[in-house]
């Protein structure tokens, strides 16, 4: 593996500073996606910001990031995060 050519995929959790709710997603550009959320350019979080990033995890495979996002949205995943 060449670390320069490898692309990472991130699963992340944002917390709204407005209502304290958590929002989970995945992306291949965490900084860009975070800025989109902050600037109300995301359908699911529009009007719910500002946000703080409370968790993220990097994966080399998009499938792994999507699977982790699905897990974190499940009941078991939410319990894992609260611990």
PDB file of N, CA and C in Angstrom:
ATOM      1  N   UNK A   1       0.833  -1.190   0.000  1.00  0.00           N
ATOM      2  CA  UNK A   1       0.000   0.000   0.000  1.00  0.00           C
ATOM      3  C   UNK A   1       0.870   1.244   0.000  1.00  0.00           C
ATOM      4  N   UNK A   2       0.530   2.149  -0.846  1.00  0.00           N
ATOM      5  CA  UNK A   2       1.220   3.421  -0.901  1.00  0.00           C
ATOM      6  C   UNK A   2       0.370   4.452  -0.157  1.00  0.00           C
ATOM      7  N   UNK A   3       0.826   4.945   1.012  1.00  0.00           N
ATOM      8  CA  UNK A   3       0.005   5.862   1.801  1.00  0.00           C
ATOM      9  C   UNK A   3      -0.325   7.164   1.088  1.00  0.00           C
ATOM     10  N   UNK A   4       0.490   7.550   0.113  1.00  0.00           N
ATOM     11  CA  UNK A   4       0.229   8.788  -0.609  1.00  0.00           C
ATOM     12  C   UNK A   4      -0.973   8.614  -1.543  1.00  0.00           C
ATOM     13  N   UNK A   5      -1.114   7.430  -2.141  1.00  0.00           N
ATOM     14  CA  UNK A   5      -2.194   7.185  -3.093  1.00  0.00           C
ATOM     15  C   UNK A   5      -3.461   6.674  -2.422  1.00  0.00           C
ATOM     16  N   UNK A   6      -3.359   6.188  -1.192  1.00  0.00           N
ATOM     17  CA  UNK A   6      -4.529   5.649  -0.518  1.00  0.00           C
ATOM     18  C   UNK A   6      -5.508   6.756  -0.177  1.00  0.00           C
ATOM     19  N   UNK A   7      -6.767   6.488  -0.385  1.00  0.00           N
ATOM     20  CA  UNK A   7      -7.832   7.425  -0.029  1.00  0.00           C
ATOM     21  C   UNK A   7      -8.527   6.851   1.199  1.00  0.00           C
ATOM     22  N   UNK A   8      -8.779   7.703   2.143  1.00  0.00           N
ATOM     23  CA  UNK A   8      -9.472   7.279   3.345  1.00  0.00           C
ATOM     24  C   UNK A   8     -10.949   7.628   3.244  1.00  0.00           C
ATOM     25  N   UNK A   9     -11.749   6.831   3.905  1.00  0.00           N
ATOM     26  CA  UNK A   9     -13.173   7.073   4.058  1.00  0.00           C
ATOM     27  C   UNK A   9     -13.430   7.200   5.550  1.00  0.00           C
ATOM     28  N   UNK A  10     -14.213   8.180   5.907  1.00  0.00           N
ATOM     29  CA  UNK A  10     -14.423   8.503   7.312  1.00  0.00           C
ATOM     30  C   UNK A  10     -15.884   8.315   7.689  1.00  0.00           C
ATOM     31  N   UNK A  11     -16.095   7.693   8.828  1.00  0.00           N
ATOM     32  CA  UNK A  11     -17.400   7.711   9.458  1.00  0.00           C
ATOM     33  C   UNK A  11     -17.266   8.719  10.593  1.00  0.00           C
ATOM     34  N   UNK A  12     -18.296   9.523  10.781  1.00  0.00           N
ATOM     35  CA  UNK A  12     -18.174  10.612  11.754  1.00  0.00           C
ATOM     36  C   UNK A  12     -19.489  10.830  12.477  1.00  0.00           C
ATOM     37  N   UNK A  13     -19.379  11.457  13.634  1.00  0.00           N
ATOM     38  CA  UNK A  13     -20.558  11.843  14.398  1.00  0.00           C
ATOM     39  C   UNK A  13     -20.415  13.311  14.763  1.00  0.00           C
ATOM     40  N   UNK A  14     -21.458  14.049  14.458  1.00  0.00           N
ATOM     41  CA  UNK A  14     -21.531  15.457  14.818  1.00  0.00           C
ATOM     42  C   UNK A  14     -22.550  15.615  15.928  1.00  0.00           C
ATOM     43  N   UNK A  15     -22.309  16.566  16.789  1.00  0.00           N
ATOM     44  CA  UNK A  15     -23.302  16.923  17.799  1.00  0.00           C
ATOM     45  C   UNK A  15     -23.737  18.348  17.544  1.00  0.00           C
ATOM     46  N   UNK A  16     -25.043  18.536  17.474  1.00  0.00           N
ATOM     47  CA  UNK A  16     -25.589  19.872  17.280  1.00  0.00           C
ATOM     48  C   UNK A  16     -25.416  20.668  18.568  1.00  0.00           C
ATOM     49  N   UNK A  17     -24.890  21.865  18.448  1.00  0.00           N
ATOM     50  CA  UNK A  17     -24.778  22.750  19.605  1.00  0.00           C
ATOM     51  C   UNK A  17     -26.108  23.441  19.873  1.00  0.00           C
ATOM     52  N   UNK A  18     -27.053  23.283  18.957  1.00  0.00           N
ATOM     53  CA  UNK A  18     -28.370  23.890  19.076  1.00  0.00           C
ATOM     54  C   UNK A  18     -29.327  23.002  19.877  1.00  0.00           C
ATOM     55  N   UNK A  19     -29.339  21.686  19.558  1.00  0.00           N
ATOM     56  CA  UNK A  19     -30.279  20.781  20.224  1.00  0.00           C
ATOM     57  C   UNK A  19     -29.617  19.545  20.840  1.00  0.00           C
ATOM     58  N   UNK A  20     -28.296  19.468  20.795  1.00  0.00           N
ATOM     59  CA  UNK A  20     -27.487  18.380  21.363  1.00  0.00           C
ATOM     60  C   UNK A  20     -27.676  17.024  20.687  1.00  0.00           C
ATOM     61  N   UNK A  21     -28.423  16.951  19.591  1.00  0.00           N
ATOM     62  CA  UNK A  21     -28.617  15.677  18.896  1.00  0.00           C
ATOM     63  C   UNK A  21     -27.373  15.302  18.120  1.00  0.00           C
ATOM     64  N   UNK A  22     -27.221  13.989  17.908  1.00  0.00           N
ATOM     65  CA  UNK A  22     -26.092  13.447  17.165  1.00  0.00           C
ATOM     66  C   UNK A  22     -26.515  13.127  15.745  1.00  0.00           C
ATOM     67  N   UNK A  23     -25.605  13.343  14.802  1.00  0.00           N
ATOM     68  CA  UNK A  23     -25.816  13.026  13.401  1.00  0.00           C
ATOM     69  C   UNK A  23     -24.625  12.218  12.915  1.00  0.00           C
ATOM     70  N   UNK A  24     -24.896  11.090  12.286  1.00  0.00           N
ATOM     71  CA  UNK A  24     -23.860  10.161  11.849  1.00  0.00           C
ATOM     72  C   UNK A  24     -23.827  10.129  10.329  1.00  0.00           C
ATOM     73  N   UNK A  25     -22.605  10.095   9.775  1.00  0.00           N
ATOM     74  CA  UNK A  25     -22.466  10.003   8.329  1.00  0.00           C
ATOM     75  C   UNK A  25     -21.109   9.456   7.953  1.00  0.00           C
ATOM     76  N   UNK A  26     -20.875   9.335   6.654  1.00  0.00           N
ATOM     77  CA  UNK A  26     -19.548   8.947   6.172  1.00  0.00           C
ATOM     78  C   UNK A  26     -19.220   9.768   4.937  1.00  0.00           C
ATOM     79  N   UNK A  27     -17.929   9.916   4.681  1.00  0.00           N
ATOM     80  CA  UNK A  27     -17.451  10.739   3.574  1.00  0.00           C
ATOM     81  C   UNK A  27     -16.012  10.358   3.243  1.00  0.00           C
ATOM     82  N   UNK A  28     -15.528  10.831   2.105  1.00  0.00           N
ATOM     83  CA  UNK A  28     -14.113  10.646   1.784  1.00  0.00           C
ATOM     84  C   UNK A  28     -13.334  11.944   1.975  1.00  0.00           C
ATOM     85  N   UNK A  29     -14.012  13.000   2.401  1.00  0.00           N
ATOM     86  CA  UNK A  29     -13.355  14.284   2.673  1.00  0.00           C
ATOM     87  C   UNK A  29     -13.999  14.891   3.918  1.00  0.00           C
ATOM     88  N   UNK A  30     -13.457  14.563   5.073  1.00  0.00           N
ATOM     89  CA  UNK A  30     -14.071  14.942   6.344  1.00  0.00           C
ATOM     90  C   UNK A  30     -14.125  16.457   6.532  1.00  0.00           C
ATOM     91  N   UNK A  31     -13.067  17.146   6.213  1.00  0.00           N
ATOM     92  CA  UNK A  31     -13.065  18.611   6.385  1.00  0.00           C
ATOM     93  C   UNK A  31     -14.125  19.275   5.515  1.00  0.00           C
ATOM     94  N   UNK A  32     -14.182  18.872   4.258  1.00  0.00           N
ATOM     95  CA  UNK A  32     -15.170  19.450   3.351  1.00  0.00           C
ATOM     96  C   UNK A  32     -16.588  19.156   3.841  1.00  0.00           C
ATOM     97  N   UNK A  33     -16.837  17.910   4.245  1.00  0.00           N
ATOM     98  CA  UNK A  33     -18.177  17.535   4.687  1.00  0.00           C
ATOM     99  C   UNK A  33     -18.570  18.274   5.966  1.00  0.00           C
ATOM    100  N   UNK A  34     -17.628  18.416   6.902  1.00  0.00           N
ATOM    101  CA  UNK A  34     -17.905  19.154   8.133  1.00  0.00           C
ATOM    102  C   UNK A  34     -18.289  20.604   7.800  1.00  0.00           C
ATOM    103  N   UNK A  35     -17.542  21.217   6.894  1.00  0.00           N
ATOM    104  CA  UNK A  35     -17.855  22.591   6.489  1.00  0.00           C
ATOM    105  C   UNK A  35     -19.230  22.687   5.824  1.00  0.00           C
ATOM    106  N   UNK A  36     -19.604  21.676   5.047  1.00  0.00           N
ATOM    107  CA  UNK A  36     -20.932  21.667   4.442  1.00  0.00           C
ATOM    108  C   UNK A  36     -22.013  21.661   5.518  1.00  0.00           C
ATOM    109  N   UNK A  37     -21.816  20.856   6.547  1.00  0.00           N
ATOM    110  CA  UNK A  37     -22.778  20.834   7.651  1.00  0.00           C
ATOM    111  C   UNK A  37     -22.825  22.203   8.342  1.00  0.00           C
ATOM    112  N   UNK A  38     -21.682  22.785   8.591  1.00  0.00           N
ATOM    113  CA  UNK A  38     -21.623  24.076   9.284  1.00  0.00           C
ATOM    114  C   UNK A  38     -22.296  25.185   8.476  1.00  0.00           C
ATOM    115  N   UNK A  39     -22.226  25.096   7.155  1.00  0.00           N
ATOM    116  CA  UNK A  39     -22.762  26.149   6.289  1.00  0.00           C
ATOM    117  C   UNK A  39     -24.182  25.835   5.803  1.00  0.00           C
ATOM    118  N   UNK A  40     -24.850  24.886   6.448  1.00  0.00           N
ATOM    119  CA  UNK A  40     -26.227  24.507   6.091  1.00  0.00           C
ATOM    120  C   UNK A  40     -26.368  23.986   4.670  1.00  0.00           C
ATOM    121  N   UNK A  41     -25.343  23.329   4.149  1.00  0.00           N
ATOM    122  CA  UNK A  41     -25.385  22.764   2.801  1.00  0.00           C
ATOM    123  C   UNK A  41     -25.641  21.261   2.813  1.00  0.00           C
ATOM    124  N   UNK A  42     -26.243  20.771   3.869  1.00  0.00           N
ATOM    125  CA  UNK A  42     -26.578  19.361   3.975  1.00  0.00           C
ATOM    126  C   UNK A  42     -28.070  19.237   4.283  1.00  0.00           C
ATOM    127  N   UNK A  43     -28.757  18.444   3.505  1.00  0.00           N
ATOM    128  CA  UNK A  43     -30.208  18.297   3.660  1.00  0.00           C
ATOM    129  C   UNK A  43     -30.595  17.840   5.055  1.00  0.00           C
ATOM    130  N   UNK A  44     -29.899  16.860   5.590  1.00  0.00           N
ATOM    131  CA  UNK A  44     -30.315  16.248   6.848  1.00  0.00           C
ATOM    132  C   UNK A  44     -30.033  17.098   8.078  1.00  0.00           C
ATOM    133  N   UNK A  45     -29.072  17.987   7.992  1.00  0.00           N
ATOM    134  CA  UNK A  45     -28.715  18.781   9.171  1.00  0.00           C
ATOM    135  C   UNK A  45     -28.972  20.274   8.977  1.00  0.00           C
ATOM    136  N   UNK A  46     -29.571  20.632   7.878  1.00  0.00           N
ATOM    137  CA  UNK A  46     -29.816  22.047   7.590  1.00  0.00           C
ATOM    138  C   UNK A  46     -30.636  22.687   8.712  1.00  0.00           C
ATOM    139  N   UNK A  47     -30.132  23.810   9.219  1.00  0.00           N
ATOM    140  CA  UNK A  47     -30.827  24.537  10.267  1.00  0.00           C
ATOM    141  C   UNK A  47     -30.634  23.980  11.666  1.00  0.00           C
ATOM    142  N   UNK A  48     -29.805  22.958  11.801  1.00  0.00           N
ATOM    143  CA  UNK A  48     -29.608  22.337  13.118  1.00  0.00           C
ATOM    144  C   UNK A  48     -28.238  22.647  13.714  1.00  0.00           C
ATOM    145  N   UNK A  49     -27.400  23.360  12.994  1.00  0.00           N
ATOM    146  CA  UNK A  49     -26.057  23.682  13.460  1.00  0.00           C
ATOM    147  C   UNK A  49     -26.053  24.931  14.307  1.00  0.00           C
ATOM    148  N   UNK A  50     -24.899  25.297  14.784  1.00  0.00           N
ATOM    149  CA  UNK A  50     -23.567  24.763  14.490  1.00  0.00           C
ATOM    150  C   UNK A  50     -23.342  23.406  15.144  1.00  0.00           C
ATOM    151  N   UNK A  51     -22.265  22.761  14.699  1.00  0.00           N
ATOM    152  CA  UNK A  51     -21.941  21.414  15.149  1.00  0.00           C
ATOM    153  C   UNK A  51     -20.533  21.343  15.709  1.00  0.00           C
ATOM    154  N   UNK A  52     -20.333  20.311  16.513  1.00  0.00           N
ATOM    155  CA  UNK A  52     -18.961  19.950  16.874  1.00  0.00           C
ATOM    156  C   UNK A  52     -18.770  18.491  16.487  1.00  0.00           C
ATOM    157  N   UNK A  53     -17.569  18.176  16.040  1.00  0.00           N
ATOM    158  CA  UNK A  53     -17.214  16.813  15.668  1.00  0.00           C
ATOM    159  C   UNK A  53     -16.859  16.080  16.952  1.00  0.00           C
ATOM    160  N   UNK A  54     -17.615  15.031  17.281  1.00  0.00           N
ATOM    161  CA  UNK A  54     -17.349  14.331  18.536  1.00  0.00           C
ATOM    162  C   UNK A  54     -16.709  12.964  18.339  1.00  0.00           C
ATOM    163  N   UNK A  55     -16.720  12.444  17.088  1.00  0.00           N
ATOM    164  CA  UNK A  55     -16.124  11.130  16.830  1.00  0.00           C
ATOM    165  C   UNK A  55     -15.864  10.995  15.338  1.00  0.00           C
ATOM    166  N   UNK A  56     -14.741  10.395  14.999  1.00  0.00           N
ATOM    167  CA  UNK A  56     -14.527   9.972  13.618  1.00  0.00           C
ATOM    168  C   UNK A  56     -13.574   8.799  13.593  1.00  0.00           C
ATOM    169  N   UNK A  57     -13.673   8.049  12.520  1.00  0.00           N
ATOM    170  CA  UNK A  57     -12.848   6.859  12.337  1.00  0.00           C
ATOM    171  C   UNK A  57     -12.538   6.746  10.852  1.00  0.00           C
ATOM    172  N   UNK A  58     -11.298   6.443  10.513  1.00  0.00           N
ATOM    173  CA  UNK A  58     -10.872   6.335   9.115  1.00  0.00           C
ATOM    174  C   UNK A  58     -10.773   4.878   8.688  1.00  0.00           C
ATOM    175  N   UNK A  59     -11.143   4.624   7.434  1.00  0.00           N
ATOM    176  CA  UNK A  59     -11.042   3.291   6.832  1.00  0.00           C
ATOM    177  C   UNK A  59     -10.440   3.435   5.442  1.00  0.00           C
ATOM    178  N   UNK A  60      -9.765   2.395   4.998  1.00  0.00           N
ATOM    179  CA  UNK A  60      -9.231   2.401   3.641  1.00  0.00           C
ATOM    180  C   UNK A  60     -10.291   2.008   2.619  1.00  0.00           C
ATOM    181  N   UNK A  61     -11.308   1.279   3.056  1.00  0.00           N
ATOM    182  CA  UNK A  61     -12.351   0.816   2.138  1.00  0.00           C
ATOM    183  C   UNK A  61     -13.679   1.523   2.419  1.00  0.00           C
ATOM    184  N   UNK A  62     -14.307   1.986   1.358  1.00  0.00           N
ATOM    185  CA  UNK A  62     -15.597   2.654   1.506  1.00  0.00           C
ATOM    186  C   UNK A  62     -16.637   1.727   2.138  1.00  0.00           C
ATOM    187  N   UNK A  63     -16.600   0.464   1.776  1.00  0.00           N
ATOM    188  CA  UNK A  63     -17.548  -0.505   2.325  1.00  0.00           C
ATOM    189  C   UNK A  63     -17.440  -0.593   3.847  1.00  0.00           C
ATOM    190  N   UNK A  64     -16.219  -0.509   4.359  1.00  0.00           N
ATOM    191  CA  UNK A  64     -16.016  -0.561   5.815  1.00  0.00           C
ATOM    192  C   UNK A  64     -16.608   0.676   6.496  1.00  0.00           C
ATOM    193  N   UNK A  65     -16.423   1.836   5.895  1.00  0.00           N
ATOM    194  CA  UNK A  65     -16.970   3.070   6.469  1.00  0.00           C
ATOM    195  C   UNK A  65     -18.498   3.031   6.452  1.00  0.00           C
ATOM    196  N   UNK A  66     -19.078   2.554   5.360  1.00  0.00           N
ATOM    197  CA  UNK A  66     -20.548   2.455   5.279  1.00  0.00           C
ATOM    198  C   UNK A  66     -21.086   1.474   6.303  1.00  0.00           C
ATOM    199  N   UNK A  67     -20.392   0.349   6.473  1.00  0.00           N
ATOM    200  CA  UNK A  67     -20.826  -0.655   7.453  1.00  0.00           C
ATOM    201  C   UNK A  67     -20.730  -0.095   8.872  1.00  0.00           C
ATOM    202  N   UNK A  68     -19.681   0.645   9.162  1.00  0.00           N
ATOM    203  CA  UNK A  68     -19.519   1.237  10.487  1.00  0.00           C
ATOM    204  C   UNK A  68     -20.595   2.289  10.730  1.00  0.00           C
ATOM    205  N   UNK A  69     -20.924   3.079   9.707  1.00  0.00           N
ATOM    206  CA  UNK A  69     -21.997   4.066   9.839  1.00  0.00           C
ATOM    207  C   UNK A  69     -23.314   3.362  10.176  1.00  0.00           C
ATOM    208  N   UNK A  70     -23.608   2.295   9.477  1.00  0.00           N
ATOM    209  CA  UNK A  70     -24.845   1.541   9.735  1.00  0.00           C
ATOM    210  C   UNK A  70     -24.856   1.003  11.159  1.00  0.00           C
ATOM    211  N   UNK A  71     -23.724   0.471  11.604  1.00  0.00           N
ATOM    212  CA  UNK A  71     -23.616  -0.044  12.967  1.00  0.00           C
ATOM    213  C   UNK A  71     -23.835   1.075  13.996  1.00  0.00           C
ATOM    214  N   UNK A  72     -23.197   2.213  13.797  1.00  0.00           N
ATOM    215  CA  UNK A  72     -23.302   3.307  14.764  1.00  0.00           C
ATOM    216  C   UNK A  72     -24.714   3.886  14.839  1.00  0.00           C
ATOM    217  N   UNK A  73     -25.485   3.714  13.785  1.00  0.00           N
ATOM    218  CA  UNK A  73     -26.878   4.175  13.788  1.00  0.00           C
ATOM    219  C   UNK A  73     -27.809   3.159  14.447  1.00  0.00           C
ATOM    220  N   UNK A  74     -27.315   1.953  14.686  1.00  0.00           N
ATOM    221  CA  UNK A  74     -28.132   0.903  15.308  1.00  0.00           C
ATOM    222  C   UNK A  74     -28.166   1.093  16.826  1.00  0.00           C
ATOM    223  N   UNK A  75     -29.034   0.359  17.472  1.00  0.00           N
ATOM    224  CA  UNK A  75     -29.128   0.429  18.936  1.00  0.00           C
ATOM    225  C   UNK A  75     -27.815   0.045  19.613  1.00  0.00           C
ATOM    226  N   UNK A  76     -27.188  -1.031  19.132  1.00  0.00           N
ATOM    227  CA  UNK A  76     -25.904  -1.444  19.725  1.00  0.00           C
ATOM    228  C   UNK A  76     -24.831  -0.397  19.495  1.00  0.00           C
ATOM    229  N   UNK A  77     -24.816   0.200  18.330  1.00  0.00           N
ATOM    230  CA  UNK A  77     -23.820   1.225  18.024  1.00  0.00           C
ATOM    231  C   UNK A  77     -23.997   2.463  18.892  1.00  0.00           C
ATOM    232  N   UNK A  78     -25.240   2.847  19.125  1.00  0.00           N
ATOM    233  CA  UNK A  78     -25.503   4.008  19.980  1.00  0.00           C
ATOM    234  C   UNK A  78     -25.072   3.726  21.419  1.00  0.00           C
ATOM    235  N   UNK A  79     -25.308   2.514  21.880  1.00  0.00           N
ATOM    236  CA  UNK A  79     -24.856   2.153  23.231  1.00  0.00           C
ATOM    237  C   UNK A  79     -23.335   2.187  23.317  1.00  0.00           C
ATOM    238  N   UNK A  80     -22.660   1.679  22.270  1.00  0.00           N
ATOM    239  CA  UNK A  80     -21.201   1.714  22.218  1.00  0.00           C
ATOM    240  C   UNK A  80     -20.690   3.150  22.329  1.00  0.00           C
ATOM    241  N   UNK A  81     -21.307   4.060  21.600  1.00  0.00           N
ATOM    242  CA  UNK A  81     -20.859   5.454  21.608  1.00  0.00           C
ATOM    243  C   UNK A  81     -21.078   6.141  22.939  1.00  0.00           C
ATOM    244  N   UNK A  82     -22.150   5.816  23.611  1.00  0.00           N
ATOM    245  CA  UNK A  82     -22.452   6.477  24.880  1.00  0.00           C
ATOM    246  C   UNK A  82     -21.508   6.038  25.983  1.00  0.00           C
ATOM    247  N   UNK A  83     -20.871   4.878  25.813  1.00  0.00           N
ATOM    248  CA  UNK A  83     -19.893   4.422  26.806  1.00  0.00           C
ATOM    249  C   UNK A  83     -18.631   5.167  26.572  1.00  0.00           C
TER     250      UNK A  83
END
